[in-house]
């Protein structure tokens, strides 16, 4: 896993074009929601249940969180398509910076 550090000050954020600033904030929000749901799914199924009813309840909770996660992933993909890929100014600026694997992943 690669971790990238962004030093994004208030001034740098204000200097971004409005479409890029909105995209950054919306994608950051989507990523935060996806991370929270992923962690909840991992937490729900961690312990060993002592009773069968507890096992069924935890399985139900996990399925509910998974459905929410699938929905959030779909929303994030639609956001990416509509705000990144459909915006020619943003796409032409950032798509050439992607590596070969990332470019291949976008060709669906």
PDB file of N, CA and C in Angstrom:
ATOM      1  N   UNK A   1       0.831  -1.158   0.000  1.00  0.00           N
ATOM      2  CA  UNK A   1       0.000   0.000   0.000  1.00  0.00           C
ATOM      3  C   UNK A   1       0.887   1.236   0.000  1.00  0.00           C
ATOM      4  N   UNK A   2       0.540   2.169  -0.835  1.00  0.00           N
ATOM      5  CA  UNK A   2       1.259   3.438  -0.870  1.00  0.00           C
ATOM      6  C   UNK A   2       0.407   4.483  -0.168  1.00  0.00           C
ATOM      7  N   UNK A   3       1.057   5.271   0.658  1.00  0.00           N
ATOM      8  CA  UNK A   3       0.375   6.366   1.339  1.00  0.00           C
ATOM      9  C   UNK A   3       0.951   7.665   0.804  1.00  0.00           C
ATOM     10  N   UNK A   4       0.069   8.505   0.334  1.00  0.00           N
ATOM     11  CA  UNK A   4       0.471   9.798  -0.193  1.00  0.00           C
ATOM     12  C   UNK A   4       0.058  10.876   0.798  1.00  0.00           C
ATOM     13  N   UNK A   5       0.942  11.772   1.069  1.00  0.00           N
ATOM     14  CA  UNK A   5       0.646  12.862   1.983  1.00  0.00           C
ATOM     15  C   UNK A   5       0.409  14.134   1.179  1.00  0.00           C
ATOM     16  N   UNK A   6      -0.702  14.765   1.450  1.00  0.00           N
ATOM     17  CA  UNK A   6      -1.054  16.012   0.795  1.00  0.00           C
ATOM     18  C   UNK A   6      -0.967  17.143   1.790  1.00  0.00           C
ATOM     19  N   UNK A   7      -0.195  18.126   1.495  1.00  0.00           N
ATOM     20  CA  UNK A   7      -0.125  19.306   2.331  1.00  0.00           C
ATOM     21  C   UNK A   7      -1.002  20.370   1.672  1.00  0.00           C
ATOM     22  N   UNK A   8      -2.275  20.316   1.988  1.00  0.00           N
ATOM     23  CA  UNK A   8      -3.244  21.188   1.349  1.00  0.00           C
ATOM     24  C   UNK A   8      -3.688  22.244   2.345  1.00  0.00           C
ATOM     25  N   UNK A   9      -3.104  23.420   2.221  1.00  0.00           N
ATOM     26  CA  UNK A   9      -3.472  24.515   3.116  1.00  0.00           C
ATOM     27  C   UNK A   9      -4.754  25.175   2.630  1.00  0.00           C
ATOM     28  N   UNK A  10      -5.276  26.031   3.463  1.00  0.00           N
ATOM     29  CA  UNK A  10      -6.499  26.761   3.114  1.00  0.00           C
ATOM     30  C   UNK A  10      -6.289  27.613   1.849  1.00  0.00           C
ATOM     31  N   UNK A  11      -5.116  28.184   1.742  1.00  0.00           N
ATOM     32  CA  UNK A  11      -4.808  29.033   0.579  1.00  0.00           C
ATOM     33  C   UNK A  11      -4.725  28.200  -0.707  1.00  0.00           C
ATOM     34  N   UNK A  12      -4.093  27.014  -0.612  1.00  0.00           N
ATOM     35  CA  UNK A  12      -3.991  26.145  -1.786  1.00  0.00           C
ATOM     36  C   UNK A  12      -5.361  25.627  -2.197  1.00  0.00           C
ATOM     37  N   UNK A  13      -6.203  25.314  -1.221  1.00  0.00           N
ATOM     38  CA  UNK A  13      -7.553  24.858  -1.527  1.00  0.00           C
ATOM     39  C   UNK A  13      -8.358  25.969  -2.194  1.00  0.00           C
ATOM     40  N   UNK A  14      -8.203  27.184  -1.721  1.00  0.00           N
ATOM     41  CA  UNK A  14      -8.926  28.319  -2.314  1.00  0.00           C
ATOM     42  C   UNK A  14      -8.419  28.633  -3.720  1.00  0.00           C
ATOM     43  N   UNK A  15      -7.148  28.297  -4.002  1.00  0.00           N
ATOM     44  CA  UNK A  15      -6.580  28.569  -5.318  1.00  0.00           C
ATOM     45  C   UNK A  15      -7.030  27.574  -6.379  1.00  0.00           C
ATOM     46  N   UNK A  16      -7.560  26.426  -5.960  1.00  0.00           N
ATOM     47  CA  UNK A  16      -8.042  25.440  -6.928  1.00  0.00           C
ATOM     48  C   UNK A  16      -9.265  25.975  -7.664  1.00  0.00           C
ATOM     49  N   UNK A  17      -9.428  25.596  -8.916  1.00  0.00           N
ATOM     50  CA  UNK A  17     -10.670  25.945  -9.606  1.00  0.00           C
ATOM     51  C   UNK A  17     -11.860  25.333  -8.858  1.00  0.00           C
ATOM     52  N   UNK A  18     -12.991  25.987  -8.940  1.00  0.00           N
ATOM     53  CA  UNK A  18     -14.145  25.565  -8.137  1.00  0.00           C
ATOM     54  C   UNK A  18     -14.578  24.132  -8.450  1.00  0.00           C
ATOM     55  N   UNK A  19     -14.498  23.711  -9.707  1.00  0.00           N
ATOM     56  CA  UNK A  19     -14.905  22.346 -10.043  1.00  0.00           C
ATOM     57  C   UNK A  19     -13.977  21.317  -9.403  1.00  0.00           C
ATOM     58  N   UNK A  20     -12.676  21.610  -9.372  1.00  0.00           N
ATOM     59  CA  UNK A  20     -11.717  20.699  -8.755  1.00  0.00           C
ATOM     60  C   UNK A  20     -11.870  20.690  -7.236  1.00  0.00           C
ATOM     61  N   UNK A  21     -12.137  21.849  -6.655  1.00  0.00           N
ATOM     62  CA  UNK A  21     -12.316  21.941  -5.208  1.00  0.00           C
ATOM     63  C   UNK A  21     -13.551  21.141  -4.768  1.00  0.00           C
ATOM     64  N   UNK A  22     -14.650  21.285  -5.506  1.00  0.00           N
ATOM     65  CA  UNK A  22     -15.863  20.521  -5.195  1.00  0.00           C
ATOM     66  C   UNK A  22     -15.624  19.021  -5.345  1.00  0.00           C
ATOM     67  N   UNK A  23     -14.935  18.638  -6.415  1.00  0.00           N
ATOM     68  CA  UNK A  23     -14.636  17.223  -6.648  1.00  0.00           C
ATOM     69  C   UNK A  23     -13.784  16.660  -5.519  1.00  0.00           C
ATOM     70  N   UNK A  24     -12.779  17.391  -5.093  1.00  0.00           N
ATOM     71  CA  UNK A  24     -11.909  16.942  -4.008  1.00  0.00           C
ATOM     72  C   UNK A  24     -12.699  16.736  -2.717  1.00  0.00           C
ATOM     73  N   UNK A  25     -13.544  17.684  -2.382  1.00  0.00           N
ATOM     74  CA  UNK A  25     -14.325  17.572  -1.155  1.00  0.00           C
ATOM     75  C   UNK A  25     -15.364  16.459  -1.240  1.00  0.00           C
ATOM     76  N   UNK A  26     -16.024  16.312  -2.381  1.00  0.00           N
ATOM     77  CA  UNK A  26     -17.019  15.253  -2.536  1.00  0.00           C
ATOM     78  C   UNK A  26     -16.381  13.869  -2.512  1.00  0.00           C
ATOM     79  N   UNK A  27     -15.258  13.709  -3.192  1.00  0.00           N
ATOM     80  CA  UNK A  27     -14.577  12.412  -3.176  1.00  0.00           C
ATOM     81  C   UNK A  27     -14.003  12.100  -1.794  1.00  0.00           C
ATOM     82  N   UNK A  28     -13.527  13.130  -1.090  1.00  0.00           N
ATOM     83  CA  UNK A  28     -13.051  12.926   0.274  1.00  0.00           C
ATOM     84  C   UNK A  28     -14.173  12.469   1.194  1.00  0.00           C
ATOM     85  N   UNK A  29     -15.346  13.066   1.020  1.00  0.00           N
ATOM     86  CA  UNK A  29     -16.512  12.660   1.814  1.00  0.00           C
ATOM     87  C   UNK A  29     -16.908  11.215   1.499  1.00  0.00           C
ATOM     88  N   UNK A  30     -16.926  10.877   0.223  1.00  0.00           N
ATOM     89  CA  UNK A  30     -17.275   9.506  -0.183  1.00  0.00           C
ATOM     90  C   UNK A  30     -16.264   8.512   0.378  1.00  0.00           C
ATOM     91  N   UNK A  31     -14.993   8.842   0.312  1.00  0.00           N
ATOM     92  CA  UNK A  31     -13.951   7.968   0.842  1.00  0.00           C
ATOM     93  C   UNK A  31     -14.100   7.771   2.344  1.00  0.00           C
ATOM     94  N   UNK A  32     -14.439   8.840   3.056  1.00  0.00           N
ATOM     95  CA  UNK A  32     -14.646   8.736   4.492  1.00  0.00           C
ATOM     96  C   UNK A  32     -15.818   7.800   4.803  1.00  0.00           C
ATOM     97  N   UNK A  33     -16.926   7.938   4.085  1.00  0.00           N
ATOM     98  CA  UNK A  33     -18.073   7.052   4.300  1.00  0.00           C
ATOM     99  C   UNK A  33     -17.723   5.595   4.012  1.00  0.00           C
ATOM    100  N   UNK A  34     -16.977   5.357   2.954  1.00  0.00           N
ATOM    101  CA  UNK A  34     -16.573   3.995   2.589  1.00  0.00           C
ATOM    102  C   UNK A  34     -15.661   3.404   3.663  1.00  0.00           C
ATOM    103  N   UNK A  35     -14.730   4.199   4.166  1.00  0.00           N
ATOM    104  CA  UNK A  35     -13.829   3.712   5.221  1.00  0.00           C
ATOM    105  C   UNK A  35     -14.586   3.385   6.503  1.00  0.00           C
ATOM    106  N   UNK A  36     -15.537   4.229   6.882  1.00  0.00           N
ATOM    107  CA  UNK A  36     -16.313   3.983   8.102  1.00  0.00           C
ATOM    108  C   UNK A  36     -17.116   2.690   7.965  1.00  0.00           C
ATOM    109  N   UNK A  37     -17.786   2.502   6.838  1.00  0.00           N
ATOM    110  CA  UNK A  37     -18.578   1.290   6.646  1.00  0.00           C
ATOM    111  C   UNK A  37     -17.700   0.044   6.611  1.00  0.00           C
ATOM    112  N   UNK A  38     -16.533   0.131   6.002  1.00  0.00           N
ATOM    113  CA  UNK A  38     -15.606  -1.002   5.965  1.00  0.00           C
ATOM    114  C   UNK A  38     -15.164  -1.381   7.376  1.00  0.00           C
ATOM    115  N   UNK A  39     -14.840  -0.382   8.177  1.00  0.00           N
ATOM    116  CA  UNK A  39     -14.419  -0.660   9.557  1.00  0.00           C
ATOM    117  C   UNK A  39     -15.568  -1.240  10.370  1.00  0.00           C
ATOM    118  N   UNK A  40     -16.787  -0.753  10.172  1.00  0.00           N
ATOM    119  CA  UNK A  40     -17.937  -1.306  10.890  1.00  0.00           C
ATOM    120  C   UNK A  40     -18.160  -2.774  10.539  1.00  0.00           C
ATOM    121  N   UNK A  41     -18.000  -3.114   9.276  1.00  0.00           N
ATOM    122  CA  UNK A  41     -18.155  -4.509   8.860  1.00  0.00           C
ATOM    123  C   UNK A  41     -17.117  -5.383   9.538  1.00  0.00           C
ATOM    124  N   UNK A  42     -15.895  -4.897   9.634  1.00  0.00           N
ATOM    125  CA  UNK A  42     -14.842  -5.675  10.290  1.00  0.00           C
ATOM    126  C   UNK A  42     -15.091  -5.805  11.790  1.00  0.00           C
ATOM    127  N   UNK A  43     -15.609  -4.769  12.413  1.00  0.00           N
ATOM    128  CA  UNK A  43     -15.846  -4.795  13.858  1.00  0.00           C
ATOM    129  C   UNK A  43     -16.994  -5.720  14.218  1.00  0.00           C
ATOM    130  N   UNK A  44     -18.059  -5.718  13.423  1.00  0.00           N
ATOM    131  CA  UNK A  44     -19.253  -6.499  13.754  1.00  0.00           C
ATOM    132  C   UNK A  44     -18.934  -7.991  13.841  1.00  0.00           C
ATOM    133  N   UNK A  45     -18.126  -8.497  12.965  1.00  0.00           N
ATOM    134  CA  UNK A  45     -17.868  -9.930  12.944  1.00  0.00           C
ATOM    135  C   UNK A  45     -16.616 -10.368  13.653  1.00  0.00           C
ATOM    136  N   UNK A  46     -16.095  -9.567  14.573  1.00  0.00           N
ATOM    137  CA  UNK A  46     -14.817  -9.884  15.202  1.00  0.00           C
ATOM    138  C   UNK A  46     -14.892 -10.953  16.274  1.00  0.00           C
ATOM    139  N   UNK A  47     -15.839 -10.859  17.167  1.00  0.00           N
ATOM    140  CA  UNK A  47     -15.835 -11.776  18.303  1.00  0.00           C
ATOM    141  C   UNK A  47     -16.520 -13.106  17.981  1.00  0.00           C
ATOM    142  N   UNK A  48     -16.223 -14.095  18.771  1.00  0.00           N
ATOM    143  CA  UNK A  48     -16.853 -15.401  18.615  1.00  0.00           C
ATOM    144  C   UNK A  48     -18.168 -15.404  19.397  1.00  0.00           C
ATOM    145  N   UNK A  49     -19.279 -15.647  18.713  1.00  0.00           N
ATOM    146  CA  UNK A  49     -20.562 -15.598  19.419  1.00  0.00           C
ATOM    147  C   UNK A  49     -20.722 -16.784  20.376  1.00  0.00           C
ATOM    148  N   UNK A  50     -21.375 -16.500  21.490  1.00  0.00           N
ATOM    149  CA  UNK A  50     -21.603 -17.547  22.477  1.00  0.00           C
ATOM    150  C   UNK A  50     -22.937 -18.245  22.259  1.00  0.00           C
ATOM    151  N   UNK A  51     -23.855 -17.562  21.592  1.00  0.00           N
ATOM    152  CA  UNK A  51     -25.169 -18.144  21.329  1.00  0.00           C
ATOM    153  C   UNK A  51     -25.492 -18.023  19.840  1.00  0.00           C
ATOM    154  N   UNK A  52     -26.323 -18.911  19.370  1.00  0.00           N
ATOM    155  CA  UNK A  52     -26.686 -18.913  17.952  1.00  0.00           C
ATOM    156  C   UNK A  52     -27.439 -17.646  17.563  1.00  0.00           C
ATOM    157  N   UNK A  53     -28.276 -17.132  18.449  1.00  0.00           N
ATOM    158  CA  UNK A  53     -29.040 -15.926  18.143  1.00  0.00           C
ATOM    159  C   UNK A  53     -28.112 -14.728  17.949  1.00  0.00           C
ATOM    160  N   UNK A  54     -27.057 -14.671  18.749  1.00  0.00           N
ATOM    161  CA  UNK A  54     -26.073 -13.588  18.601  1.00  0.00           C
ATOM    162  C   UNK A  54     -25.383 -13.707  17.249  1.00  0.00           C
ATOM    163  N   UNK A  55     -25.076 -14.921  16.850  1.00  0.00           N
ATOM    164  CA  UNK A  55     -24.447 -15.162  15.553  1.00  0.00           C
ATOM    165  C   UNK A  55     -25.360 -14.680  14.418  1.00  0.00           C
ATOM    166  N   UNK A  56     -26.660 -14.970  14.522  1.00  0.00           N
ATOM    167  CA  UNK A  56     -27.608 -14.542  13.482  1.00  0.00           C
ATOM    168  C   UNK A  56     -27.755 -13.018  13.449  1.00  0.00           C
ATOM    169  N   UNK A  57     -27.784 -12.388  14.604  1.00  0.00           N
ATOM    170  CA  UNK A  57     -27.900 -10.930  14.669  1.00  0.00           C
ATOM    171  C   UNK A  57     -26.664 -10.270  14.060  1.00  0.00           C
ATOM    172  N   UNK A  58     -25.487 -10.787  14.404  1.00  0.00           N
ATOM    173  CA  UNK A  58     -24.252 -10.221  13.842  1.00  0.00           C
ATOM    174  C   UNK A  58     -24.189 -10.425  12.334  1.00  0.00           C
ATOM    175  N   UNK A  59     -24.651 -11.575  11.864  1.00  0.00           N
ATOM    176  CA  UNK A  59     -24.678 -11.811  10.416  1.00  0.00           C
ATOM    177  C   UNK A  59     -25.634 -10.839   9.739  1.00  0.00           C
ATOM    178  N   UNK A  60     -26.771 -10.584  10.365  1.00  0.00           N
ATOM    179  CA  UNK A  60     -27.721  -9.613   9.812  1.00  0.00           C
ATOM    180  C   UNK A  60     -27.145  -8.211   9.777  1.00  0.00           C
ATOM    181  N   UNK A  61     -26.457  -7.818  10.849  1.00  0.00           N
ATOM    182  CA  UNK A  61     -25.815  -6.505  10.872  1.00  0.00           C
ATOM    183  C   UNK A  61     -24.757  -6.391   9.783  1.00  0.00           C
ATOM    184  N   UNK A  62     -23.980  -7.445   9.627  1.00  0.00           N
ATOM    185  CA  UNK A  62     -22.942  -7.432   8.595  1.00  0.00           C
ATOM    186  C   UNK A  62     -23.554  -7.275   7.210  1.00  0.00           C
ATOM    187  N   UNK A  63     -24.642  -7.986   6.951  1.00  0.00           N
ATOM    188  CA  UNK A  63     -25.293  -7.879   5.640  1.00  0.00           C
ATOM    189  C   UNK A  63     -25.859  -6.482   5.406  1.00  0.00           C
ATOM    190  N   UNK A  64     -26.424  -5.880   6.439  1.00  0.00           N
ATOM    191  CA  UNK A  64     -26.955  -4.507   6.302  1.00  0.00           C
ATOM    192  C   UNK A  64     -25.817  -3.541   5.979  1.00  0.00           C
ATOM    193  N   UNK A  65     -24.715  -3.642   6.708  1.00  0.00           N
ATOM    194  CA  UNK A  65     -23.571  -2.761   6.452  1.00  0.00           C
ATOM    195  C   UNK A  65     -22.979  -3.010   5.065  1.00  0.00           C
ATOM    196  N   UNK A  66     -22.980  -4.271   4.627  1.00  0.00           N
ATOM    197  CA  UNK A  66     -22.459  -4.574   3.290  1.00  0.00           C
ATOM    198  C   UNK A  66     -23.343  -3.961   2.205  1.00  0.00           C
ATOM    199  N   UNK A  67     -24.657  -4.017   2.407  1.00  0.00           N
ATOM    200  CA  UNK A  67     -25.562  -3.382   1.440  1.00  0.00           C
ATOM    201  C   UNK A  67     -25.336  -1.876   1.389  1.00  0.00           C
ATOM    202  N   UNK A  68     -25.147  -1.263   2.565  1.00  0.00           N
ATOM    203  CA  UNK A  68     -24.843   0.172   2.604  1.00  0.00           C
ATOM    204  C   UNK A  68     -23.525   0.467   1.885  1.00  0.00           C
ATOM    205  N   UNK A  69     -22.527  -0.372   2.135  1.00  0.00           N
ATOM    206  CA  UNK A  69     -21.219  -0.180   1.498  1.00  0.00           C
ATOM    207  C   UNK A  69     -21.323  -0.310  -0.011  1.00  0.00           C
ATOM    208  N   UNK A  70     -22.051  -1.286  -0.489  1.00  0.00           N
ATOM    209  CA  UNK A  70     -22.233  -1.450  -1.935  1.00  0.00           C
ATOM    210  C   UNK A  70     -22.905  -0.216  -2.527  1.00  0.00           C
ATOM    211  N   UNK A  71     -23.910   0.305  -1.833  1.00  0.00           N
ATOM    212  CA  UNK A  71     -24.584   1.518  -2.297  1.00  0.00           C
ATOM    213  C   UNK A  71     -23.650   2.715  -2.323  1.00  0.00           C
ATOM    214  N   UNK A  72     -22.826   2.859  -1.289  1.00  0.00           N
ATOM    215  CA  UNK A  72     -21.869   3.977  -1.240  1.00  0.00           C
ATOM    216  C   UNK A  72     -20.816   3.851  -2.335  1.00  0.00           C
ATOM    217  N   UNK A  73     -20.370   2.633  -2.598  1.00  0.00           N
ATOM    218  CA  UNK A  73     -19.401   2.433  -3.680  1.00  0.00           C
ATOM    219  C   UNK A  73     -20.016   2.807  -5.027  1.00  0.00           C
ATOM    220  N   UNK A  74     -21.278   2.449  -5.216  1.00  0.00           N
ATOM    221  CA  UNK A  74     -21.958   2.810  -6.459  1.00  0.00           C
ATOM    222  C   UNK A  74     -22.118   4.331  -6.567  1.00  0.00           C
ATOM    223  N   UNK A  75     -22.502   4.981  -5.465  1.00  0.00           N
ATOM    224  CA  UNK A  75     -22.624   6.440  -5.465  1.00  0.00           C
ATOM    225  C   UNK A  75     -21.286   7.106  -5.779  1.00  0.00           C
ATOM    226  N   UNK A  76     -20.206   6.576  -5.190  1.00  0.00           N
ATOM    227  CA  UNK A  76     -18.878   7.146  -5.428  1.00  0.00           C
ATOM    228  C   UNK A  76     -18.474   6.976  -6.895  1.00  0.00           C
ATOM    229  N   UNK A  77     -18.793   5.825  -7.483  1.00  0.00           N
ATOM    230  CA  UNK A  77     -18.472   5.599  -8.890  1.00  0.00           C
ATOM    231  C   UNK A  77     -19.269   6.552  -9.785  1.00  0.00           C
ATOM    232  N   UNK A  78     -20.550   6.741  -9.485  1.00  0.00           N
ATOM    233  CA  UNK A  78     -21.365   7.680 -10.264  1.00  0.00           C
ATOM    234  C   UNK A  78     -20.847   9.108 -10.104  1.00  0.00           C
ATOM    235  N   UNK A  79     -20.426   9.454  -8.900  1.00  0.00           N
ATOM    236  CA  UNK A  79     -19.835  10.770  -8.660  1.00  0.00           C
ATOM    237  C   UNK A  79     -18.566  10.935  -9.483  1.00  0.00           C
ATOM    238  N   UNK A  80     -17.728   9.918  -9.492  1.00  0.00           N
ATOM    239  CA  UNK A  80     -16.484   9.962 -10.255  1.00  0.00           C
ATOM    240  C   UNK A  80     -16.770  10.118 -11.749  1.00  0.00           C
ATOM    241  N   UNK A  81     -17.743   9.362 -12.253  1.00  0.00           N
ATOM    242  CA  UNK A  81     -18.068   9.454 -13.682  1.00  0.00           C
ATOM    243  C   UNK A  81     -18.624  10.824 -14.037  1.00  0.00           C
ATOM    244  N   UNK A  82     -19.518  11.354 -13.210  1.00  0.00           N
ATOM    245  CA  UNK A  82     -20.178  12.608 -13.564  1.00  0.00           C
ATOM    246  C   UNK A  82     -19.313  13.830 -13.298  1.00  0.00           C
ATOM    247  N   UNK A  83     -18.495  13.800 -12.257  1.00  0.00           N
ATOM    248  CA  UNK A  83     -17.716  14.986 -11.904  1.00  0.00           C
ATOM    249  C   UNK A  83     -16.279  14.949 -12.412  1.00  0.00           C
ATOM    250  N   UNK A  84     -15.752  13.762 -12.694  1.00  0.00           N
ATOM    251  CA  UNK A  84     -14.370  13.671 -13.154  1.00  0.00           C
ATOM    252  C   UNK A  84     -14.305  13.334 -14.631  1.00  0.00           C
ATOM    253  N   UNK A  85     -14.848  12.185 -14.986  1.00  0.00           N
ATOM    254  CA  UNK A  85     -14.731  11.748 -16.376  1.00  0.00           C
ATOM    255  C   UNK A  85     -15.528  12.622 -17.338  1.00  0.00           C
ATOM    256  N   UNK A  86     -16.671  13.121 -16.909  1.00  0.00           N
ATOM    257  CA  UNK A  86     -17.510  13.922 -17.801  1.00  0.00           C
ATOM    258  C   UNK A  86     -17.031  15.368 -17.909  1.00  0.00           C
ATOM    259  N   UNK A  87     -16.228  15.828 -16.972  1.00  0.00           N
ATOM    260  CA  UNK A  87     -15.708  17.198 -16.992  1.00  0.00           C
ATOM    261  C   UNK A  87     -14.396  17.199 -17.773  1.00  0.00           C
ATOM    262  N   UNK A  88     -14.440  17.727 -18.968  1.00  0.00           N
ATOM    263  CA  UNK A  88     -13.274  17.672 -19.860  1.00  0.00           C
ATOM    264  C   UNK A  88     -12.061  18.402 -19.284  1.00  0.00           C
ATOM    265  N   UNK A  89     -12.279  19.515 -18.604  1.00  0.00           N
ATOM    266  CA  UNK A  89     -11.136  20.260 -18.075  1.00  0.00           C
ATOM    267  C   UNK A  89     -10.422  19.485 -16.971  1.00  0.00           C
ATOM    268  N   UNK A  90     -11.174  18.835 -16.113  1.00  0.00           N
ATOM    269  CA  UNK A  90     -10.575  18.061 -15.029  1.00  0.00           C
ATOM    270  C   UNK A  90      -9.957  16.776 -15.570  1.00  0.00           C
ATOM    271  N   UNK A  91     -10.690  16.079 -16.433  1.00  0.00           N
ATOM    272  CA  UNK A  91     -10.198  14.805 -16.973  1.00  0.00           C
ATOM    273  C   UNK A  91      -8.927  15.006 -17.795  1.00  0.00           C
ATOM    274  N   UNK A  92      -8.885  16.044 -18.628  1.00  0.00           N
ATOM    275  CA  UNK A  92      -7.697  16.264 -19.466  1.00  0.00           C
ATOM    276  C   UNK A  92      -6.481  16.654 -18.626  1.00  0.00           C
ATOM    277  N   UNK A  93      -6.721  17.215 -17.456  1.00  0.00           N
ATOM    278  CA  UNK A  93      -5.609  17.618 -16.591  1.00  0.00           C
ATOM    279  C   UNK A  93      -5.044  16.441 -15.799  1.00  0.00           C
ATOM    280  N   UNK A  94      -5.927  15.535 -15.333  1.00  0.00           N
ATOM    281  CA  UNK A  94      -5.486  14.490 -14.412  1.00  0.00           C
ATOM    282  C   UNK A  94      -5.376  13.099 -15.019  1.00  0.00           C
ATOM    283  N   UNK A  95      -6.126  12.782 -16.055  1.00  0.00           N
ATOM    284  CA  UNK A  95      -6.036  11.448 -16.655  1.00  0.00           C
ATOM    285  C   UNK A  95      -4.646  11.123 -17.195  1.00  0.00           C
ATOM    286  N   UNK A  96      -3.940  12.063 -17.843  1.00  0.00           N
ATOM    287  CA  UNK A  96      -2.588  11.729 -18.316  1.00  0.00           C
ATOM    288  C   UNK A  96      -1.598  11.429 -17.191  1.00  0.00           C
ATOM    289  N   UNK A  97      -1.892  11.836 -15.969  1.00  0.00           N
ATOM    290  CA  UNK A  97      -0.997  11.589 -14.836  1.00  0.00           C
ATOM    291  C   UNK A  97      -1.142  10.184 -14.260  1.00  0.00           C
ATOM    292  N   UNK A  98      -2.176   9.470 -14.678  1.00  0.00           N
ATOM    293  CA  UNK A  98      -2.401   8.122 -14.161  1.00  0.00           C
ATOM    294  C   UNK A  98      -1.414   7.147 -14.778  1.00  0.00           C
ATOM    295  N   UNK A  99      -1.107   6.124 -14.015  1.00  0.00           N
ATOM    296  CA  UNK A  99      -0.217   5.079 -14.501  1.00  0.00           C
ATOM    297  C   UNK A  99      -0.960   4.127 -15.426  1.00  0.00           C
ATOM    298  N   UNK A 100      -0.240   3.168 -16.029  1.00  0.00           N
ATOM    299  CA  UNK A 100      -0.878   2.244 -16.971  1.00  0.00           C
ATOM    300  C   UNK A 100      -1.944   1.357 -16.329  1.00  0.00           C
ATOM    301  N   UNK A 101      -1.730   0.924 -15.093  1.00  0.00           N
ATOM    302  CA  UNK A 101      -2.725   0.080 -14.426  1.00  0.00           C
ATOM    303  C   UNK A 101      -4.000   0.866 -14.137  1.00  0.00           C
ATOM    304  N   UNK A 102      -3.854   2.101 -13.693  1.00  0.00           N
ATOM    305  CA  UNK A 102      -5.010   2.924 -13.370  1.00  0.00           C
ATOM    306  C   UNK A 102      -5.791   3.271 -14.639  1.00  0.00           C
ATOM    307  N   UNK A 103      -5.073   3.550 -15.726  1.00  0.00           N
ATOM    308  CA  UNK A 103      -5.740   3.858 -16.999  1.00  0.00           C
ATOM    309  C   UNK A 103      -6.488   2.642 -17.504  1.00  0.00           C
ATOM    310  N   UNK A 104      -5.882   1.462 -17.387  1.00  0.00           N
ATOM    311  CA  UNK A 104      -6.547   0.233 -17.826  1.00  0.00           C
ATOM    312  C   UNK A 104      -7.787  -0.053 -16.985  1.00  0.00           C
ATOM    313  N   UNK A 105      -7.744   0.282 -15.704  1.00  0.00           N
ATOM    314  CA  UNK A 105      -8.898   0.046 -14.829  1.00  0.00           C
ATOM    315  C   UNK A 105     -10.083   0.928 -15.204  1.00  0.00           C
ATOM    316  N   UNK A 106      -9.818   2.082 -15.765  1.00  0.00           N
ATOM    317  CA  UNK A 106     -10.903   2.979 -16.155  1.00  0.00           C
ATOM    318  C   UNK A 106     -11.575   2.589 -17.457  1.00  0.00           C
ATOM    319  N   UNK A 107     -10.911   1.753 -18.242  1.00  0.00           N
ATOM    320  CA  UNK A 107     -11.502   1.294 -19.510  1.00  0.00           C
ATOM    321  C   UNK A 107     -12.371   0.069 -19.219  1.00  0.00           C
ATOM    322  N   UNK A 108     -13.628   0.304 -19.090  1.00  0.00           N
ATOM    323  CA  UNK A 108     -14.561  -0.770 -18.740  1.00  0.00           C
ATOM    324  C   UNK A 108     -15.411  -1.182 -19.875  1.00  0.00           C
TER     325      UNK A 108
END
